[in-house]
Amino acid sequence: MFKGYYINGVAVKDNGFICFLAKEIRDDLDPVLDEELYKKRLVVYHHNEHGDEQWGNVTRSGRGAMCIATITRPLSQVNVADMNGYIYFYRWFRIYRWFFRKEIYAGGGKGDLWQFNGETWRQVFFSSDMPLESVCCGQDGFVYIGAQCGTVFKGRNDE
């Protein structure tokens, strides 16, 4: 997770998740002039999970120097800002699955469902505010959402 990177920022979310901002270690680049050539990695430690599900990460390149912070209002999320004025918002969910790396579904809380298309996250309309428990991307091309009391929803995109 951190191999080849050094930690240069840490933030703790209100739910206890620990978020690390890491920068690629490279001897062939100038740390100031070549900042945008370094890969940056956001790593999240989920203390209530087990095994491989305790850790998650997102790696980005082509960004300037970055800093990390968490906010709780209006939504609980991790904010990462680069020195070029761009702000990236990350909402980490307890559950996420994907069909391909360019189509990822993440959910949690009361009907809070999101889809990543390979470039941006968007909130998917979800017809219930039931607490979400699981997400499964089925071989039949549909996404199955497990909710409170064994309720299962089937769809894809905004279906």
C-alpha atoms as a PDB file:
ATOM      1  CA  MET A   1       0.000   0.000   0.000  1.00  0.00           C
ATOM      2  CA  PHE A   2       2.795   2.428   0.919  1.00  0.00           C
ATOM      3  CA  LYS A   3       5.699   0.741  -0.862  1.00  0.00           C
ATOM      4  CA  GLY A   4       7.411   3.322  -3.076  1.00  0.00           C
ATOM      5  CA  TYR A   5       5.570   6.217  -1.354  1.00  0.00           C
ATOM      6  CA  TYR A   6       6.146   8.377   1.685  1.00  0.00           C
ATOM      7  CA  ILE A   7       3.355   9.789   3.837  1.00  0.00           C
ATOM      8  CA  ASN A   8       3.044  13.565   3.676  1.00  0.00           C
ATOM      9  CA  GLY A   9      -0.423  14.135   5.127  1.00  0.00           C
ATOM     10  CA  VAL A  10      -2.869  12.499   7.554  1.00  0.00           C
ATOM     11  CA  ALA A  11      -6.500  13.242   8.448  1.00  0.00           C
ATOM     12  CA  VAL A  12      -8.916  11.379  10.726  1.00  0.00           C
ATOM     13  CA  LYS A  13     -12.596  11.300   9.772  1.00  0.00           C
ATOM     14  CA  ASP A  14     -15.385  11.644  12.316  1.00  0.00           C
ATOM     15  CA  ASN A  15     -16.179   7.929  11.951  1.00  0.00           C
ATOM     16  CA  GLY A  16     -12.615   6.999  12.909  1.00  0.00           C
ATOM     17  CA  PHE A  17     -11.280   6.229   9.432  1.00  0.00           C
ATOM     18  CA  ILE A  18      -7.661   7.288   9.080  1.00  0.00           C
ATOM     19  CA  CYS A  19      -6.778   8.864   5.715  1.00  0.00           C
ATOM     20  CA  PHE A  20      -3.193   9.178   4.512  1.00  0.00           C
ATOM     21  CA  LEU A  21      -1.895  11.264   1.637  1.00  0.00           C
ATOM     22  CA  ALA A  22       1.283   9.796   0.148  1.00  0.00           C
ATOM     23  CA  LYS A  23       3.701  10.916  -2.559  1.00  0.00           C
ATOM     24  CA  GLU A  24       5.704   8.676  -4.847  1.00  0.00           C
ATOM     25  CA  ILE A  25       9.418   8.314  -4.030  1.00  0.00           C
ATOM     26  CA  ARG A  26      11.480   9.219  -7.108  1.00  0.00           C
ATOM     27  CA  ASP A  27      15.173  10.087  -7.280  1.00  0.00           C
ATOM     28  CA  ASP A  28      15.014  11.137 -10.933  1.00  0.00           C
ATOM     29  CA  LEU A  29      12.710  14.158 -10.372  1.00  0.00           C
ATOM     30  CA  ASP A  30      13.179  17.567  -8.795  1.00  0.00           C
ATOM     31  CA  PRO A  31      10.817  17.675  -5.776  1.00  0.00           C
ATOM     32  CA  VAL A  32       9.715  21.261  -6.542  1.00  0.00           C
ATOM     33  CA  LEU A  33       9.986  21.772 -10.301  1.00  0.00           C
ATOM     34  CA  ASP A  34       8.630  18.323 -11.243  1.00  0.00           C
ATOM     35  CA  GLU A  35       5.845  18.128  -8.613  1.00  0.00           C
ATOM     36  CA  GLU A  36       3.125  17.279 -11.140  1.00  0.00           C
ATOM     37  CA  LEU A  37       5.088  14.246 -12.390  1.00  0.00           C
ATOM     38  CA  TYR A  38       4.913  12.491  -9.011  1.00  0.00           C
ATOM     39  CA  LYS A  39       2.057  10.066  -8.383  1.00  0.00           C
ATOM     40  CA  LYS A  40      -0.060  10.858  -5.324  1.00  0.00           C
ATOM     41  CA  ARG A  41      -1.970   8.241  -3.350  1.00  0.00           C
ATOM     42  CA  LEU A  42      -4.860   8.607  -0.927  1.00  0.00           C
ATOM     43  CA  VAL A  43      -4.931   5.621   1.439  1.00  0.00           C
ATOM     44  CA  VAL A  44      -7.762   4.923   3.874  1.00  0.00           C
ATOM     45  CA  TYR A  45      -7.634   2.594   6.860  1.00  0.00           C
ATOM     46  CA  HIS A  46     -11.062   1.227   7.867  1.00  0.00           C
ATOM     47  CA  HIS A  47     -10.572   0.154  11.481  1.00  0.00           C
ATOM     48  CA  ASN A  48     -13.889  -1.758  11.686  1.00  0.00           C
ATOM     49  CA  GLU A  49     -13.162  -4.013   8.703  1.00  0.00           C
ATOM     50  CA  HIS A  50     -11.036  -7.156   8.514  1.00  0.00           C
ATOM     51  CA  GLY A  51      -8.262  -8.398   6.246  1.00  0.00           C
ATOM     52  CA  ASP A  52      -7.976  -6.812   2.802  1.00  0.00           C
ATOM     53  CA  GLU A  53     -11.120  -4.722   3.376  1.00  0.00           C
ATOM     54  CA  GLN A  54      -9.350  -2.644   6.059  1.00  0.00           C
ATOM     55  CA  TRP A  55      -7.386  -0.724   3.448  1.00  0.00           C
ATOM     56  CA  GLY A  56      -8.415   1.191   0.341  1.00  0.00           C
ATOM     57  CA  ASN A  57      -6.535   3.565  -1.952  1.00  0.00           C
ATOM     58  CA  VAL A  58      -6.818   5.850  -4.958  1.00  0.00           C
ATOM     59  CA  THR A  59      -3.730   6.826  -6.985  1.00  0.00           C
ATOM     60  CA  ARG A  60      -3.593   9.946  -9.163  1.00  0.00           C
ATOM     61  CA  SER A  61      -0.937  11.542 -11.347  1.00  0.00           C
ATOM     62  CA  GLY A  62      -0.590  14.943 -12.982  1.00  0.00           C
ATOM     63  CA  ARG A  63      -1.430  16.842  -9.786  1.00  0.00           C
ATOM     64  CA  GLY A  64       0.504  19.582  -8.037  1.00  0.00           C
ATOM     65  CA  ALA A  65       1.510  19.518  -4.364  1.00  0.00           C
ATOM     66  CA  MET A  66      -1.451  18.334  -2.301  1.00  0.00           C
ATOM     67  CA  CYS A  67      -2.847  18.696   1.201  1.00  0.00           C
ATOM     68  CA  ILE A  68      -5.590  16.720   2.967  1.00  0.00           C
ATOM     69  CA  ALA A  69      -8.425  17.572   5.364  1.00  0.00           C
ATOM     70  CA  THR A  70     -11.735  16.113   6.467  1.00  0.00           C
ATOM     71  CA  ILE A  71     -15.087  17.832   6.833  1.00  0.00           C
ATOM     72  CA  THR A  72     -18.362  16.742   8.391  1.00  0.00           C
ATOM     73  CA  ARG A  73     -20.718  19.339   6.925  1.00  0.00           C
ATOM     74  CA  PRO A  74     -22.578  19.276   4.603  1.00  0.00           C
ATOM     75  CA  LEU A  75     -21.319  15.678   4.080  1.00  0.00           C
ATOM     76  CA  SER A  76     -18.693  13.617   5.827  1.00  0.00           C
ATOM     77  CA  GLN A  77     -15.878  13.402   3.314  1.00  0.00           C
ATOM     78  CA  VAL A  78     -12.171  13.721   2.719  1.00  0.00           C
ATOM     79  CA  ASN A  79     -11.035  16.796   0.793  1.00  0.00           C
ATOM     80  CA  VAL A  80      -7.734  16.837  -1.023  1.00  0.00           C
ATOM     81  CA  ALA A  81      -6.585  20.115  -2.564  1.00  0.00           C
ATOM     82  CA  ASP A  82      -3.700  20.704  -4.897  1.00  0.00           C
ATOM     83  CA  MET A  83      -1.734  23.919  -5.206  1.00  0.00           C
ATOM     84  CA  ASN A  84      -3.263  24.597  -8.637  1.00  0.00           C
ATOM     85  CA  GLY A  85      -6.586  25.343  -6.954  1.00  0.00           C
ATOM     86  CA  TYR A  86      -8.332  22.025  -7.612  1.00  0.00           C
ATOM     87  CA  ILE A  87     -10.231  20.315  -4.816  1.00  0.00           C
ATOM     88  CA  TYR A  88     -11.045  16.615  -4.914  1.00  0.00           C
ATOM     89  CA  PHE A  89     -13.788  15.161  -2.730  1.00  0.00           C
ATOM     90  CA  TYR A  90     -13.691  11.572  -1.578  1.00  0.00           C
ATOM     91  CA  ARG A  91     -16.552   9.893   0.230  1.00  0.00           C
ATOM     92  CA  TRP A  92     -15.427   6.511   1.477  1.00  0.00           C
ATOM     93  CA  PHE A  93     -18.071   3.891   1.733  1.00  0.00           C
ATOM     94  CA  ARG A  94     -18.175   0.701   3.693  1.00  0.00           C
ATOM     95  CA  ILE A  95     -19.186  -1.220   0.581  1.00  0.00           C
ATOM     96  CA  TYR A  96     -18.078  -0.981  -3.035  1.00  0.00           C
ATOM     97  CA  ARG A  97     -17.863  -3.278  -6.063  1.00  0.00           C
ATOM     98  CA  TRP A  98     -17.125  -2.869  -9.769  1.00  0.00           C
ATOM     99  CA  PHE A  99     -17.822  -4.382 -13.171  1.00  0.00           C
ATOM    100  CA  PHE A 100     -14.635  -2.891 -14.579  1.00  0.00           C
ATOM    101  CA  ARG A 101     -12.235  -0.405 -13.041  1.00  0.00           C
ATOM    102  CA  LYS A 102     -14.146   2.246 -15.005  1.00  0.00           C
ATOM    103  CA  GLU A 103     -17.532   1.374 -13.542  1.00  0.00           C
ATOM    104  CA  ILE A 104     -17.439   1.227  -9.758  1.00  0.00           C
ATOM    105  CA  TYR A 105     -20.426   1.356  -7.424  1.00  0.00           C
ATOM    106  CA  ALA A 106     -20.132   2.447  -3.798  1.00  0.00           C
ATOM    107  CA  GLY A 107     -22.827   2.685  -1.171  1.00  0.00           C
ATOM    108  CA  GLY A 108     -23.465   3.115   2.494  1.00  0.00           C
ATOM    109  CA  GLY A 109     -25.593   4.974   4.945  1.00  0.00           C
ATOM    110  CA  LYS A 110     -29.260   5.483   4.204  1.00  0.00           C
ATOM    111  CA  GLY A 111     -29.696   5.003   0.460  1.00  0.00           C
ATOM    112  CA  ASP A 112     -26.430   6.762  -0.396  1.00  0.00           C
ATOM    113  CA  LEU A 113     -25.305   5.194  -3.698  1.00  0.00           C
ATOM    114  CA  TRP A 114     -22.554   6.461  -6.031  1.00  0.00           C
ATOM    115  CA  GLN A 115     -21.076   5.418  -9.387  1.00  0.00           C
ATOM    116  CA  PHE A 116     -17.576   6.084 -10.746  1.00  0.00           C
ATOM    117  CA  ASN A 117     -17.216   6.136 -14.565  1.00  0.00           C
ATOM    118  CA  GLY A 118     -13.412   6.109 -14.658  1.00  0.00           C
ATOM    119  CA  GLU A 119     -13.114   9.893 -14.313  1.00  0.00           C
ATOM    120  CA  THR A 120     -15.770  11.259 -11.965  1.00  0.00           C
ATOM    121  CA  TRP A 121     -18.098  10.141  -9.199  1.00  0.00           C
ATOM    122  CA  ARG A 122     -21.810  10.877  -9.383  1.00  0.00           C
ATOM    123  CA  GLN A 123     -24.640  10.160  -7.008  1.00  0.00           C
ATOM    124  CA  VAL A 124     -27.058   7.568  -8.384  1.00  0.00           C
ATOM    125  CA  PHE A 125     -30.761   8.052  -7.742  1.00  0.00           C
ATOM    126  CA  PHE A 126     -31.839   5.452  -5.191  1.00  0.00           C
ATOM    127  CA  SER A 127     -35.523   5.035  -4.397  1.00  0.00           C
ATOM    128  CA  SER A 128     -35.095   4.174  -0.722  1.00  0.00           C
ATOM    129  CA  ASP A 129     -33.447   5.627   2.363  1.00  0.00           C
ATOM    130  CA  MET A 130     -32.914   2.168   3.882  1.00  0.00           C
ATOM    131  CA  PRO A 131     -29.410   1.513   5.267  1.00  0.00           C
ATOM    132  CA  LEU A 132     -27.309  -0.198   2.576  1.00  0.00           C
ATOM    133  CA  GLU A 133     -25.441  -3.339   3.595  1.00  0.00           C
ATOM    134  CA  SER A 134     -23.884  -4.735   0.402  1.00  0.00           C
ATOM    135  CA  VAL A 135     -23.265  -4.162  -3.304  1.00  0.00           C
ATOM    136  CA  CYS A 136     -22.814  -6.930  -5.881  1.00  0.00           C
ATOM    137  CA  CYS A 137     -22.085  -6.495  -9.593  1.00  0.00           C
ATOM    138  CA  GLY A 138     -23.724  -9.582 -11.105  1.00  0.00           C
ATOM    139  CA  GLN A 139     -22.627 -11.587 -14.125  1.00  0.00           C
ATOM    140  CA  ASP A 140     -25.978 -10.694 -15.708  1.00  0.00           C
ATOM    141  CA  GLY A 141     -24.897  -7.025 -15.940  1.00  0.00           C
ATOM    142  CA  PHE A 142     -27.051  -5.734 -13.070  1.00  0.00           C
ATOM    143  CA  VAL A 143     -26.039  -4.237  -9.738  1.00  0.00           C
ATOM    144  CA  TYR A 144     -27.646  -5.809  -6.682  1.00  0.00           C
ATOM    145  CA  ILE A 145     -27.929  -3.665  -3.564  1.00  0.00           C
ATOM    146  CA  GLY A 146     -28.535  -5.392  -0.243  1.00  0.00           C
ATOM    147  CA  ALA A 147     -30.351  -3.209   2.250  1.00  0.00           C
ATOM    148  CA  GLN A 148     -31.830  -3.394   5.734  1.00  0.00           C
ATOM    149  CA  CYS A 149     -33.855  -6.493   6.724  1.00  0.00           C
ATOM    150  CA  GLY A 150     -32.765  -8.537   3.693  1.00  0.00           C
ATOM    151  CA  THR A 151     -34.261  -6.231   1.061  1.00  0.00           C
ATOM    152  CA  VAL A 152     -32.533  -6.502  -2.339  1.00  0.00           C
ATOM    153  CA  PHE A 153     -32.654  -3.889  -5.131  1.00  0.00           C
ATOM    154  CA  LYS A 154     -31.655  -4.622  -8.759  1.00  0.00           C
ATOM    155  CA  GLY A 155     -30.588  -2.058 -11.379  1.00  0.00           C
ATOM    156  CA  ARG A 156     -27.714  -0.350 -13.145  1.00  0.00           C
ATOM    157  CA  ASN A 157     -26.888   3.308 -13.732  1.00  0.00           C
ATOM    158  CA  ASP A 158     -30.153   5.118 -12.945  1.00  0.00           C
ATOM    159  CA  GLU A 159     -32.445   2.107 -13.390  1.00  0.00           C
END
